Amino acid sequence: MLRARHLVFACLAMVVSAAGTEPPPAAVRVRIPPEMDAENFRLGVGIYGHGLQTGTQSGEKGVCEYDVPCTTADVVKLFAYLPGYRIDPVDGLRAGDVWEPFFVPLDSVPLEGRLLDSHGRPLAGETLVFTYDLIEAMDYFGYSDGSVPRLLLASAQTRADGSFSGSIPDFAGDPFFSAPASLGLPDRQRRLDVALSSARFRFDSPWALEPAHVPLQDVSAGPVEIRRIGKAALKGRLTEEFRRRHGIVGVVRNGPWPEEETGMRLELRANGDRGSYNCRLQSNFTFSVVLPPGRYDLQLCEMERGYLLHRSVPVESGLVLEENDDLDLRIE
C-alpha cells in the first residue's frame, strides 16, 4: 500500500511558469486556456514515486501555465477544477509532458437564503463564501487519511433584507462524483461549508455561522437561513499544581520536530459538537482562544514524535459557552 504524504505545494516547490517557455525536463506542465478564470483555478496533484505525495495548487490571475515538479521515474495524476465546470482528471503523466485540461460547463443549482443575526435581524452587505471539501480526492489518489482539497463553489453578497442568491455547480452532472474511483456520496451526505468572507482564514474572528455546513439536499430544497452568532472568549492557565498532580512533563512548542528533540509535546484542545479546537497553549501554560457557543471538554494532549497521541489528560468537562461569553479559568 502506498504511504501518503500530504504537502502544501509551497513546501513541494511547485513553480508557476511564464507562458511561452519550454517545460522543464523534471516537471509536468499544465496549460489552461487564457480566457479561463485562472484566479479560481485549482490543480489537484498526486505524484507516485517513492510513496505518494499529494497537494493542491491554486491558480494566479493572468497565469495560464503551471509546472508540477517530479522526477523522470515518477508517475503524475492530476485533476483540474474551475467553478462552474466539470472536474477534468488525467493519469499516467510523466516528466516533460504537457497537459491541457478540457473544461465542460455544468448545469447549476440555485443557491438562495438569508443571513440574520442571533436575534433574527437581517444583516446587509456581508459576503458569504461557499466551499466544498473534496473528499472524493482520497479515493481518486488512493489514500485514506489526510487533508483534502477545498474548492470554491460560490460567493454571494447579502441585500438590505439579509437575502442572498447565487448558484453552485450541479454535481450530478459531473462523472468525477459518480465514477467507480469516487466515493459516490449522495447529496444528503455532501455538504457545503459556509463562511463570512471577512473571517474565512481568521481563527480569532469574533463571529461564527449557524449552520456552518449546509447539506446539498437543503440547497436544492429552497432558501437556507443562516445566523451570525458571536463567539465566546476562553482563556486561562494550567497551574503548577495541576501539572504536578497529573505528572505533566512535556513542553509546549510548535513547528517542525527536530531530530535532536526528545520527550513529549503538549497541546490543549477543546472538543465539542462543532469539532476540535486548538486552545493555543503557551510555554507559560496560559491559553486563549475564541470558540463558537456550545458544550466543550478541555483535554491536554501529550504527543510523541510525529504528533502521535501518547495520552490525553482531562482538564475540564462539560464546559458550556454562551454567545459573547468571556471566561477566565484557573485549572488547579
C-alpha atoms as a PDB file:
ATOM      1  CA  MET A   1       0.000   0.000   0.000  1.00  0.00           C
ATOM      2  CA  LEU A   2       1.262   3.437  -0.828  1.00  0.00           C
ATOM      3  CA  ARG A   3       2.065   5.643   2.097  1.00  0.00           C
ATOM      4  CA  ALA A   4       0.579   9.090   1.582  1.00  0.00           C
ATOM      5  CA  ARG A   5       2.454  12.290   2.330  1.00  0.00           C
ATOM      6  CA  HIS A   6       0.185  15.328   2.138  1.00  0.00           C
ATOM      7  CA  LEU A   7       2.066  18.535   1.426  1.00  0.00           C
ATOM      8  CA  VAL A   8       1.215  22.121   0.680  1.00  0.00           C
ATOM      9  CA  PHE A   9       2.907  22.961  -2.560  1.00  0.00           C
ATOM     10  CA  ALA A  10       4.700  25.903  -1.031  1.00  0.00           C
ATOM     11  CA  CYS A  11       6.801  23.124   0.509  1.00  0.00           C
ATOM     12  CA  LEU A  12       6.795  20.949  -2.603  1.00  0.00           C
ATOM     13  CA  ALA A  13       8.085  23.954  -4.588  1.00  0.00           C
ATOM     14  CA  MET A  14       5.552  23.907  -7.379  1.00  0.00           C
ATOM     15  CA  VAL A  15       6.654  26.576  -9.831  1.00  0.00           C
ATOM     16  CA  VAL A  16       4.341  28.992 -11.632  1.00  0.00           C
ATOM     17  CA  SER A  17       5.887  29.350 -15.083  1.00  0.00           C
ATOM     18  CA  ALA A  18       5.870  32.204 -17.530  1.00  0.00           C
ATOM     19  CA  ALA A  19       3.841  31.467 -20.643  1.00  0.00           C
ATOM     20  CA  GLY A  20       5.681  30.503 -23.791  1.00  0.00           C
ATOM     21  CA  THR A  21       8.689  28.724 -22.215  1.00  0.00           C
ATOM     22  CA  GLU A  22       9.529  25.069 -22.769  1.00  0.00           C
ATOM     23  CA  PRO A  23       8.506  22.723 -19.958  1.00  0.00           C
ATOM     24  CA  PRO A  24      11.490  21.763 -17.789  1.00  0.00           C
ATOM     25  CA  PRO A  25      12.515  18.085 -18.083  1.00  0.00           C
ATOM     26  CA  ALA A  26      11.751  17.406 -14.395  1.00  0.00           C
ATOM     27  CA  ALA A  27       8.149  18.629 -14.415  1.00  0.00           C
ATOM     28  CA  VAL A  28       4.720  18.168 -15.949  1.00  0.00           C
ATOM     29  CA  ARG A  29       3.344  21.364 -17.470  1.00  0.00           C
ATOM     30  CA  VAL A  30      -0.356  22.203 -17.168  1.00  0.00           C
ATOM     31  CA  ARG A  31      -1.747  24.764 -19.588  1.00  0.00           C
ATOM     32  CA  ILE A  32      -5.222  26.276 -19.245  1.00  0.00           C
ATOM     33  CA  PRO A  33      -6.972  28.465 -21.862  1.00  0.00           C
ATOM     34  CA  PRO A  34      -6.187  32.167 -21.375  1.00  0.00           C
ATOM     35  CA  GLU A  35      -9.881  33.107 -21.298  1.00  0.00           C
ATOM     36  CA  MET A  36     -10.483  30.985 -18.181  1.00  0.00           C
ATOM     37  CA  ASP A  37     -10.643  32.430 -14.667  1.00  0.00           C
ATOM     38  CA  ALA A  38      -7.128  31.469 -13.590  1.00  0.00           C
ATOM     39  CA  GLU A  39      -7.512  33.098 -10.181  1.00  0.00           C
ATOM     40  CA  ASN A  40     -10.071  30.440  -9.127  1.00  0.00           C
ATOM     41  CA  PHE A  41      -8.292  27.549 -10.891  1.00  0.00           C
ATOM     42  CA  ARG A  42      -7.340  24.609  -8.661  1.00  0.00           C
ATOM     43  CA  LEU A  43      -4.987  21.779  -9.586  1.00  0.00           C
ATOM     44  CA  GLY A  44      -5.050  18.566  -7.563  1.00  0.00           C
ATOM     45  CA  VAL A  45      -1.786  16.635  -7.733  1.00  0.00           C
ATOM     46  CA  GLY A  46      -0.689  13.110  -6.900  1.00  0.00           C
ATOM     47  CA  ILE A  47       2.945  12.132  -7.535  1.00  0.00           C
ATOM     48  CA  TYR A  48       3.664   8.406  -7.395  1.00  0.00           C
ATOM     49  CA  GLY A  49       7.323   7.514  -6.926  1.00  0.00           C
ATOM     50  CA  HIS A  50       8.763   6.772  -3.512  1.00  0.00           C
ATOM     51  CA  GLY A  51       5.353   6.615  -1.907  1.00  0.00           C
ATOM     52  CA  LEU A  52       2.672   9.193  -2.704  1.00  0.00           C
ATOM     53  CA  GLN A  53       2.851  12.967  -2.447  1.00  0.00           C
ATOM     54  CA  THR A  54      -0.400  14.906  -2.777  1.00  0.00           C
ATOM     55  CA  GLY A  55      -1.288  18.565  -2.732  1.00  0.00           C
ATOM     56  CA  THR A  56      -3.309  21.337  -4.310  1.00  0.00           C
ATOM     57  CA  GLN A  57      -2.012  24.268  -6.337  1.00  0.00           C
ATOM     58  CA  SER A  58      -4.046  27.483  -6.562  1.00  0.00           C
ATOM     59  CA  GLY A  59      -4.096  29.468  -9.777  1.00  0.00           C
ATOM     60  CA  GLU A  60      -2.918  33.046 -10.156  1.00  0.00           C
ATOM     61  CA  LYS A  61      -4.610  35.813 -12.058  1.00  0.00           C
ATOM     62  CA  GLY A  62      -3.220  36.106 -15.597  1.00  0.00           C
ATOM     63  CA  VAL A  63      -1.125  32.918 -15.323  1.00  0.00           C
ATOM     64  CA  CYS A  64      -2.032  30.108 -17.744  1.00  0.00           C
ATOM     65  CA  GLU A  65       0.842  27.650 -17.296  1.00  0.00           C
ATOM     66  CA  TYR A  66       1.823  25.703 -14.178  1.00  0.00           C
ATOM     67  CA  ASP A  67       4.677  23.250 -13.627  1.00  0.00           C
ATOM     68  CA  VAL A  68       4.404  20.208 -11.348  1.00  0.00           C
ATOM     69  CA  PRO A  69       7.930  19.194 -10.241  1.00  0.00           C
ATOM     70  CA  CYS A  70       8.650  15.470 -10.495  1.00  0.00           C
ATOM     71  CA  THR A  71      11.446  13.072 -11.366  1.00  0.00           C
ATOM     72  CA  THR A  72      11.702  11.033 -14.554  1.00  0.00           C
ATOM     73  CA  ALA A  73      10.758   7.948 -12.529  1.00  0.00           C
ATOM     74  CA  ASP A  74       7.528   9.470 -11.163  1.00  0.00           C
ATOM     75  CA  VAL A  75       4.001   8.961 -12.476  1.00  0.00           C
ATOM     76  CA  VAL A  76       1.772  12.012 -12.077  1.00  0.00           C
ATOM     77  CA  LYS A  77      -2.001  12.027 -11.625  1.00  0.00           C
ATOM     78  CA  LEU A  78      -3.892  15.315 -11.743  1.00  0.00           C
ATOM     79  CA  PHE A  79      -7.315  16.891 -11.735  1.00  0.00           C
ATOM     80  CA  ALA A  80      -8.245  20.406 -12.832  1.00  0.00           C
ATOM     81  CA  TYR A  81     -11.091  22.408 -11.317  1.00  0.00           C
ATOM     82  CA  LEU A  82     -12.785  25.687 -12.188  1.00  0.00           C
ATOM     83  CA  PRO A  83     -16.075  26.823 -10.591  1.00  0.00           C
ATOM     84  CA  GLY A  84     -18.980  26.011 -12.914  1.00  0.00           C
ATOM     85  CA  TYR A  85     -17.182  23.266 -14.856  1.00  0.00           C
ATOM     86  CA  ARG A  86     -16.678  19.520 -14.602  1.00  0.00           C
ATOM     87  CA  ILE A  87     -13.565  18.306 -12.822  1.00  0.00           C
ATOM     88  CA  ASP A  88     -11.156  17.061 -15.506  1.00  0.00           C
ATOM     89  CA  PRO A  89      -8.950  14.137 -14.312  1.00  0.00           C
ATOM     90  CA  VAL A  90      -5.862  12.692 -16.009  1.00  0.00           C
ATOM     91  CA  ASP A  91      -3.482   9.852 -15.100  1.00  0.00           C
ATOM     92  CA  GLY A  92      -0.163   8.479 -16.347  1.00  0.00           C
ATOM     93  CA  LEU A  93       1.672  11.744 -16.958  1.00  0.00           C
ATOM     94  CA  ARG A  94       5.474  11.811 -16.921  1.00  0.00           C
ATOM     95  CA  ALA A  95       8.155  14.478 -16.629  1.00  0.00           C
ATOM     96  CA  GLY A  96       8.231  16.587 -19.805  1.00  0.00           C
ATOM     97  CA  ASP A  97       4.531  16.023 -20.636  1.00  0.00           C
ATOM     98  CA  VAL A  98       2.197  18.940 -21.321  1.00  0.00           C
ATOM     99  CA  TRP A  99      -1.454  18.593 -20.315  1.00  0.00           C
ATOM    100  CA  GLU A 100      -4.247  20.907 -21.380  1.00  0.00           C
ATOM    101  CA  PRO A 101      -7.403  20.325 -19.289  1.00  0.00           C
ATOM    102  CA  PHE A 102     -10.749  20.348 -21.062  1.00  0.00           C
ATOM    103  CA  PHE A 103     -13.433  22.333 -19.227  1.00  0.00           C
ATOM    104  CA  VAL A 104     -17.035  21.220 -19.793  1.00  0.00           C
ATOM    105  CA  PRO A 105     -19.695  23.593 -18.364  1.00  0.00           C
ATOM    106  CA  LEU A 106     -22.015  22.168 -15.721  1.00  0.00           C
ATOM    107  CA  ASP A 107     -25.633  22.954 -15.063  1.00  0.00           C
ATOM    108  CA  SER A 108     -26.170  24.955 -11.900  1.00  0.00           C
ATOM    109  CA  VAL A 109     -28.360  24.654  -8.809  1.00  0.00           C
ATOM    110  CA  PRO A 110     -29.891  27.877  -7.407  1.00  0.00           C
ATOM    111  CA  LEU A 111     -28.494  28.976  -4.053  1.00  0.00           C
ATOM    112  CA  GLU A 112     -30.794  31.246  -2.043  1.00  0.00           C
ATOM    113  CA  GLY A 113     -31.191  32.228   1.573  1.00  0.00           C
ATOM    114  CA  ARG A 114     -30.991  34.903   4.268  1.00  0.00           C
ATOM    115  CA  LEU A 115     -28.314  35.940   6.717  1.00  0.00           C
ATOM    116  CA  LEU A 116     -29.600  37.051  10.133  1.00  0.00           C
ATOM    117  CA  ASP A 117     -28.001  37.930  13.441  1.00  0.00           C
ATOM    118  CA  SER A 118     -28.671  35.878  16.570  1.00  0.00           C
ATOM    119  CA  HIS A 119     -31.813  37.946  17.274  1.00  0.00           C
ATOM    120  CA  GLY A 120     -33.293  37.353  13.814  1.00  0.00           C
ATOM    121  CA  ARG A 121     -32.403  40.771  12.371  1.00  0.00           C
ATOM    122  CA  PRO A 122     -31.216  40.881   8.733  1.00  0.00           C
ATOM    123  CA  LEU A 123     -27.552  41.547   8.011  1.00  0.00           C
ATOM    124  CA  ALA A 124     -26.814  43.547   4.855  1.00  0.00           C
ATOM    125  CA  GLY A 125     -23.562  43.969   2.951  1.00  0.00           C
ATOM    126  CA  GLU A 126     -21.924  40.749   4.123  1.00  0.00           C
ATOM    127  CA  THR A 127     -20.229  38.392   1.660  1.00  0.00           C
ATOM    128  CA  LEU A 128     -20.774  34.673   2.174  1.00  0.00           C
ATOM    129  CA  VAL A 129     -18.320  32.183   0.693  1.00  0.00           C
ATOM    130  CA  PHE A 130     -19.428  28.618  -0.076  1.00  0.00           C
ATOM    131  CA  THR A 131     -16.781  25.900  -0.397  1.00  0.00           C
ATOM    132  CA  TYR A 132     -16.676  22.110  -0.662  1.00  0.00           C
ATOM    133  CA  ASP A 133     -14.090  19.763   0.837  1.00  0.00           C
ATOM    134  CA  LEU A 134     -13.408  17.310  -1.985  1.00  0.00           C
ATOM    135  CA  ILE A 135     -13.331  14.063  -0.008  1.00  0.00           C
ATOM    136  CA  GLU A 136     -13.603  12.207  -3.337  1.00  0.00           C
ATOM    137  CA  ALA A 137      -9.921  13.095  -3.853  1.00  0.00           C
ATOM    138  CA  MET A 138      -8.971  10.468  -1.262  1.00  0.00           C
ATOM    139  CA  ASP A 139     -10.284   7.610  -3.403  1.00  0.00           C
ATOM    140  CA  TYR A 140      -9.099   9.263  -6.602  1.00  0.00           C
ATOM    141  CA  PHE A 141      -5.477   9.492  -5.452  1.00  0.00           C
ATOM    142  CA  GLY A 142      -5.608   6.368  -3.272  1.00  0.00           C
ATOM    143  CA  TYR A 143      -5.100   7.442   0.338  1.00  0.00           C
ATOM    144  CA  SER A 144      -7.268   7.029   3.412  1.00  0.00           C
ATOM    145  CA  ASP A 145      -6.040   9.648   5.880  1.00  0.00           C
ATOM    146  CA  GLY A 146      -5.057  13.276   5.395  1.00  0.00           C
ATOM    147  CA  SER A 147      -6.277  16.611   4.136  1.00  0.00           C
ATOM    148  CA  VAL A 148      -8.414  17.104   1.031  1.00  0.00           C
ATOM    149  CA  PRO A 149      -8.643  19.988  -1.462  1.00  0.00           C
ATOM    150  CA  ARG A 150     -11.099  22.767  -0.627  1.00  0.00           C
ATOM    151  CA  LEU A 151     -12.962  24.010  -3.708  1.00  0.00           C
ATOM    152  CA  LEU A 152     -14.597  27.409  -4.052  1.00  0.00           C
ATOM    153  CA  LEU A 153     -18.166  26.932  -5.315  1.00  0.00           C
ATOM    154  CA  ALA A 154     -19.780  30.358  -4.999  1.00  0.00           C
ATOM    155  CA  SER A 155     -19.850  33.659  -3.157  1.00  0.00           C
ATOM    156  CA  ALA A 156     -22.867  35.886  -2.554  1.00  0.00           C
ATOM    157  CA  GLN A 157     -23.462  39.305  -1.004  1.00  0.00           C
ATOM    158  CA  THR A 158     -26.428  39.938   1.247  1.00  0.00           C
ATOM    159  CA  ARG A 159     -29.027  42.604   0.398  1.00  0.00           C
ATOM    160  CA  ALA A 160     -30.768  45.055   2.731  1.00  0.00           C
ATOM    161  CA  ASP A 161     -33.198  42.375   3.937  1.00  0.00           C
ATOM    162  CA  GLY A 162     -30.372  39.887   4.519  1.00  0.00           C
ATOM    163  CA  SER A 163     -31.275  37.825   1.453  1.00  0.00           C
ATOM    164  CA  PHE A 164     -28.648  36.442  -0.942  1.00  0.00           C
ATOM    165  CA  SER A 165     -28.741  34.464  -4.161  1.00  0.00           C
ATOM    166  CA  GLY A 166     -26.349  32.718  -6.478  1.00  0.00           C
ATOM    167  CA  SER A 167     -25.720  29.250  -7.849  1.00  0.00           C
ATOM    168  CA  ILE A 168     -23.469  26.248  -7.329  1.00  0.00           C
ATOM    169  CA  PRO A 169     -22.422  23.534  -9.810  1.00  0.00           C
ATOM    170  CA  ASP A 170     -24.737  20.555 -10.175  1.00  0.00           C
ATOM    171  CA  PHE A 171     -22.522  17.664  -9.036  1.00  0.00           C
ATOM    172  CA  ALA A 172     -24.989  15.192 -10.525  1.00  0.00           C
ATOM    173  CA  GLY A 173     -23.744  16.166 -13.996  1.00  0.00           C
ATOM    174  CA  ASP A 174     -20.079  15.569 -13.202  1.00  0.00           C
ATOM    175  CA  PRO A 175     -18.790  11.991 -13.768  1.00  0.00           C
ATOM    176  CA  PHE A 176     -15.990  12.600 -11.233  1.00  0.00           C
ATOM    177  CA  PHE A 177     -18.569  12.335  -8.448  1.00  0.00           C
ATOM    178  CA  SER A 178     -20.111   9.077  -9.624  1.00  0.00           C
ATOM    179  CA  ALA A 179     -17.164   7.234 -11.198  1.00  0.00           C
ATOM    180  CA  PRO A 180     -16.045   3.882  -9.689  1.00  0.00           C
ATOM    181  CA  ALA A 181     -12.954   5.646  -8.302  1.00  0.00           C
ATOM    182  CA  SER A 182     -15.198   8.083  -6.419  1.00  0.00           C
ATOM    183  CA  LEU A 183     -16.903   7.576  -3.096  1.00  0.00           C
ATOM    184  CA  GLY A 184     -20.205   8.127  -4.870  1.00  0.00           C
ATOM    185  CA  LEU A 185     -21.720  10.019  -1.954  1.00  0.00           C
ATOM    186  CA  PRO A 186     -25.376  11.028  -2.234  1.00  0.00           C
ATOM    187  CA  ASP A 187     -26.296  14.696  -1.876  1.00  0.00           C
ATOM    188  CA  ARG A 188     -27.579  14.125   1.659  1.00  0.00           C
ATOM    189  CA  GLN A 189     -24.007  13.283   2.722  1.00  0.00           C
ATOM    190  CA  ARG A 190     -22.330  16.062   0.733  1.00  0.00           C
ATOM    191  CA  ARG A 191     -22.307  19.460   2.341  1.00  0.00           C
ATOM    192  CA  LEU A 192     -21.185  22.982   1.624  1.00  0.00           C
ATOM    193  CA  ASP A 193     -19.080  24.887   4.104  1.00  0.00           C
ATOM    194  CA  VAL A 194     -20.163  28.500   4.506  1.00  0.00           C
ATOM    195  CA  ALA A 195     -18.117  31.339   5.995  1.00  0.00           C
ATOM    196  CA  LEU A 196     -18.073  35.114   6.107  1.00  0.00           C
ATOM    197  CA  SER A 197     -15.533  36.386   3.594  1.00  0.00           C
ATOM    198  CA  SER A 198     -14.097  38.714   6.234  1.00  0.00           C
ATOM    199  CA  ALA A 199     -13.500  35.810   8.625  1.00  0.00           C
ATOM    200  CA  ARG A 200     -12.500  32.880   6.370  1.00  0.00           C
ATOM    201  CA  PHE A 201      -8.894  32.493   7.455  1.00  0.00           C
ATOM    202  CA  ARG A 202      -9.072  34.136  10.880  1.00  0.00           C
ATOM    203  CA  PHE A 203      -9.094  31.723  13.809  1.00  0.00           C
ATOM    204  CA  ASP A 204      -9.621  34.746  16.078  1.00  0.00           C
ATOM    205  CA  SER A 205     -12.692  36.062  14.235  1.00  0.00           C
ATOM    206  CA  PRO A 206     -15.428  37.097  16.726  1.00  0.00           C
ATOM    207  CA  TRP A 207     -18.164  35.565  14.544  1.00  0.00           C
ATOM    208  CA  ALA A 208     -19.423  32.079  13.778  1.00  0.00           C
ATOM    209  CA  LEU A 209     -22.219  30.974  11.438  1.00  0.00           C
ATOM    210  CA  GLU A 210     -25.054  28.616  12.291  1.00  0.00           C
ATOM    211  CA  PRO A 211     -25.225  26.367  10.412  1.00  0.00           C
ATOM    212  CA  ALA A 212     -21.600  26.385   9.247  1.00  0.00           C
ATOM    213  CA  HIS A 213     -22.354  23.461   6.906  1.00  0.00           C
ATOM    214  CA  VAL A 214     -25.293  23.138   4.531  1.00  0.00           C
ATOM    215  CA  PRO A 215     -26.230  19.710   3.062  1.00  0.00           C
ATOM    216  CA  LEU A 216     -26.609  19.828  -0.715  1.00  0.00           C
ATOM    217  CA  GLN A 217     -30.123  18.453  -0.455  1.00  0.00           C
ATOM    218  CA  ASP A 218     -31.069  21.520   1.618  1.00  0.00           C
ATOM    219  CA  VAL A 219     -29.738  23.860  -1.076  1.00  0.00           C
ATOM    220  CA  SER A 220     -31.978  22.319  -3.715  1.00  0.00           C
ATOM    221  CA  ALA A 221     -34.957  22.282  -1.310  1.00  0.00           C
ATOM    222  CA  GLY A 222     -35.226  26.063  -1.083  1.00  0.00           C
ATOM    223  CA  PRO A 223     -33.924  29.138   0.763  1.00  0.00           C
ATOM    224  CA  VAL A 224     -31.434  28.476   3.568  1.00  0.00           C
ATOM    225  CA  GLU A 225     -31.450  30.546   6.762  1.00  0.00           C
ATOM    226  CA  ILE A 226     -28.026  31.283   8.227  1.00  0.00           C
ATOM    227  CA  ARG A 227     -27.399  33.109  11.504  1.00  0.00           C
ATOM    228  CA  ARG A 228     -24.296  35.032  12.526  1.00  0.00           C
ATOM    229  CA  ILE A 229     -23.530  34.494  16.198  1.00  0.00           C
ATOM    230  CA  GLY A 230     -20.867  35.918  18.460  1.00  0.00           C
ATOM    231  CA  LYS A 231     -18.108  33.598  19.592  1.00  0.00           C
ATOM    232  CA  ALA A 232     -17.106  33.137  23.211  1.00  0.00           C
ATOM    233  CA  ALA A 233     -13.664  34.085  24.539  1.00  0.00           C
ATOM    234  CA  LEU A 234     -11.964  31.440  26.651  1.00  0.00           C
ATOM    235  CA  LYS A 235      -8.653  31.964  28.421  1.00  0.00           C
ATOM    236  CA  GLY A 236      -6.926  30.590  31.479  1.00  0.00           C
ATOM    237  CA  ARG A 237      -3.880  28.958  32.977  1.00  0.00           C
ATOM    238  CA  LEU A 238      -2.804  25.417  33.835  1.00  0.00           C
ATOM    239  CA  THR A 239      -1.286  25.817  37.302  1.00  0.00           C
ATOM    240  CA  GLU A 240       1.854  24.095  38.520  1.00  0.00           C
ATOM    241  CA  GLU A 241      -0.314  22.124  40.980  1.00  0.00           C
ATOM    242  CA  PHE A 242      -2.374  20.690  38.118  1.00  0.00           C
ATOM    243  CA  ARG A 243       0.708  19.781  36.108  1.00  0.00           C
ATOM    244  CA  ARG A 244       2.400  18.133  39.100  1.00  0.00           C
ATOM    245  CA  ARG A 245      -0.707  16.159  40.103  1.00  0.00           C
ATOM    246  CA  HIS A 246      -1.048  14.686  36.602  1.00  0.00           C
ATOM    247  CA  GLY A 247       2.664  14.165  36.014  1.00  0.00           C
ATOM    248  CA  ILE A 248       2.839  16.554  33.055  1.00  0.00           C
ATOM    249  CA  VAL A 249       6.444  16.747  31.841  1.00  0.00           C
ATOM    250  CA  GLY A 250       6.124  17.717  28.188  1.00  0.00           C
ATOM    251  CA  VAL A 251       6.943  21.066  26.590  1.00  0.00           C
ATOM    252  CA  VAL A 252       4.844  23.497  24.584  1.00  0.00           C
ATOM    253  CA  ARG A 253       6.434  24.006  21.184  1.00  0.00           C
ATOM    254  CA  ASN A 254       5.057  24.449  17.663  1.00  0.00           C
ATOM    255  CA  GLY A 255       6.602  23.889  14.261  1.00  0.00           C
ATOM    256  CA  PRO A 256       8.879  21.138  12.915  1.00  0.00           C
ATOM    257  CA  TRP A 257      10.118  18.384  15.191  1.00  0.00           C
ATOM    258  CA  PRO A 258      13.973  18.399  15.089  1.00  0.00           C
ATOM    259  CA  GLU A 259      15.834  15.088  15.190  1.00  0.00           C
ATOM    260  CA  GLU A 260      17.576  16.073  18.414  1.00  0.00           C
ATOM    261  CA  GLU A 261      14.317  16.841  20.243  1.00  0.00           C
ATOM    262  CA  THR A 262      13.208  14.207  22.743  1.00  0.00           C
ATOM    263  CA  GLY A 263      10.281  13.945  25.118  1.00  0.00           C
ATOM    264  CA  MET A 264       6.636  14.906  24.729  1.00  0.00           C
ATOM    265  CA  ARG A 265       4.941  17.953  23.283  1.00  0.00           C
ATOM    266  CA  LEU A 266       1.779  19.371  24.826  1.00  0.00           C
ATOM    267  CA  GLU A 267      -1.366  20.705  23.186  1.00  0.00           C
ATOM    268  CA  LEU A 268      -4.594  21.865  24.847  1.00  0.00           C
ATOM    269  CA  ARG A 269      -7.725  21.104  22.864  1.00  0.00           C
ATOM    270  CA  ALA A 270     -11.423  21.973  23.249  1.00  0.00           C
ATOM    271  CA  ASN A 271     -13.581  19.154  21.871  1.00  0.00           C
ATOM    272  CA  GLY A 272     -17.232  19.921  21.126  1.00  0.00           C
ATOM    273  CA  ASP A 273     -20.119  19.214  18.777  1.00  0.00           C
ATOM    274  CA  ARG A 274     -18.695  21.614  16.184  1.00  0.00           C
ATOM    275  CA  GLY A 275     -15.261  19.994  16.166  1.00  0.00           C
ATOM    276  CA  SER A 276     -11.951  20.133  17.944  1.00  0.00           C
ATOM    277  CA  TYR A 277     -10.115  23.413  18.537  1.00  0.00           C
ATOM    278  CA  ASN A 278      -6.521  24.199  19.478  1.00  0.00           C
ATOM    279  CA  CYS A 279      -6.609  26.426  22.590  1.00  0.00           C
ATOM    280  CA  ARG A 280      -3.203  27.983  21.775  1.00  0.00           C
ATOM    281  CA  LEU A 281      -1.400  26.845  24.897  1.00  0.00           C
ATOM    282  CA  GLN A 282       1.738  28.931  25.557  1.00  0.00           C
ATOM    283  CA  SER A 283       5.067  27.983  27.139  1.00  0.00           C
ATOM    284  CA  ASN A 284       3.999  29.655  30.412  1.00  0.00           C
ATOM    285  CA  PHE A 285       0.896  27.392  30.377  1.00  0.00           C
ATOM    286  CA  THR A 286      -1.586  30.171  29.714  1.00  0.00           C
ATOM    287  CA  PHE A 287      -4.106  29.722  26.880  1.00  0.00           C
ATOM    288  CA  SER A 288      -6.509  31.903  24.927  1.00  0.00           C
ATOM    289  CA  VAL A 289      -8.978  31.059  22.161  1.00  0.00           C
ATOM    290  CA  VAL A 290     -12.321  32.163  20.725  1.00  0.00           C
ATOM    291  CA  LEU A 291     -14.915  29.423  20.177  1.00  0.00           C
ATOM    292  CA  PRO A 292     -18.434  29.111  18.799  1.00  0.00           C
ATOM    293  CA  PRO A 293     -21.050  28.783  21.552  1.00  0.00           C
ATOM    294  CA  GLY A 294     -21.540  25.210  22.695  1.00  0.00           C
ATOM    295  CA  ARG A 295     -20.521  22.499  25.137  1.00  0.00           C
ATOM    296  CA  TYR A 296     -16.839  21.543  25.319  1.00  0.00           C
ATOM    297  CA  ASP A 297     -14.463  19.138  27.004  1.00  0.00           C
ATOM    298  CA  LEU A 298     -10.932  20.503  27.524  1.00  0.00           C
ATOM    299  CA  GLN A 299      -8.151  17.941  27.199  1.00  0.00           C
ATOM    300  CA  LEU A 300      -4.389  18.248  27.490  1.00  0.00           C
ATOM    301  CA  CYS A 301      -2.747  16.029  24.899  1.00  0.00           C
ATOM    302  CA  GLU A 302       0.734  14.570  25.317  1.00  0.00           C
ATOM    303  CA  MET A 303       2.179  13.792  21.900  1.00  0.00           C
ATOM    304  CA  GLU A 304       5.149  11.747  20.803  1.00  0.00           C
ATOM    305  CA  ARG A 305       7.316  12.499  17.780  1.00  0.00           C
ATOM    306  CA  GLY A 306       5.183  12.911  14.690  1.00  0.00           C
ATOM    307  CA  TYR A 307       2.332  14.309  16.806  1.00  0.00           C
ATOM    308  CA  LEU A 308       1.179  10.803  17.762  1.00  0.00           C
ATOM    309  CA  LEU A 309      -1.093  10.914  20.786  1.00  0.00           C
ATOM    310  CA  HIS A 310       0.545   9.349  23.866  1.00  0.00           C
ATOM    311  CA  ARG A 311      -2.181  10.171  26.392  1.00  0.00           C
ATOM    312  CA  SER A 312      -4.988  12.647  26.981  1.00  0.00           C
ATOM    313  CA  VAL A 313      -5.489  14.295  30.381  1.00  0.00           C
ATOM    314  CA  PRO A 314      -8.985  15.662  31.185  1.00  0.00           C
ATOM    315  CA  VAL A 315      -8.826  19.351  32.129  1.00  0.00           C
ATOM    316  CA  GLU A 316     -12.464  20.493  32.229  1.00  0.00           C
ATOM    317  CA  SER A 317     -15.575  18.560  31.206  1.00  0.00           C
ATOM    318  CA  GLY A 318     -18.996  19.824  30.141  1.00  0.00           C
ATOM    319  CA  LEU A 319     -17.898  23.445  29.815  1.00  0.00           C
ATOM    320  CA  VAL A 320     -20.839  25.430  28.384  1.00  0.00           C
ATOM    321  CA  LEU A 321     -20.040  28.631  26.481  1.00  0.00           C
ATOM    322  CA  GLU A 322     -22.777  31.088  25.524  1.00  0.00           C
ATOM    323  CA  GLU A 323     -22.673  33.743  22.818  1.00  0.00           C
ATOM    324  CA  ASN A 324     -20.197  36.557  23.643  1.00  0.00           C
ATOM    325  CA  ASP A 325     -19.060  34.898  26.890  1.00  0.00           C
ATOM    326  CA  ASP A 326     -15.690  35.977  28.304  1.00  0.00           C
ATOM    327  CA  LEU A 327     -14.445  33.215  30.595  1.00  0.00           C
ATOM    328  CA  ASP A 328     -11.153  33.060  32.526  1.00  0.00           C
ATOM    329  CA  LEU A 329     -10.247  29.665  34.023  1.00  0.00           C
ATOM    330  CA  ARG A 330      -7.639  28.747  36.593  1.00  0.00           C
ATOM    331  CA  ILE A 331      -7.015  24.999  36.326  1.00  0.00           C
ATOM    332  CA  GLU A 332      -5.714  23.587  39.607  1.00  0.00           C
END
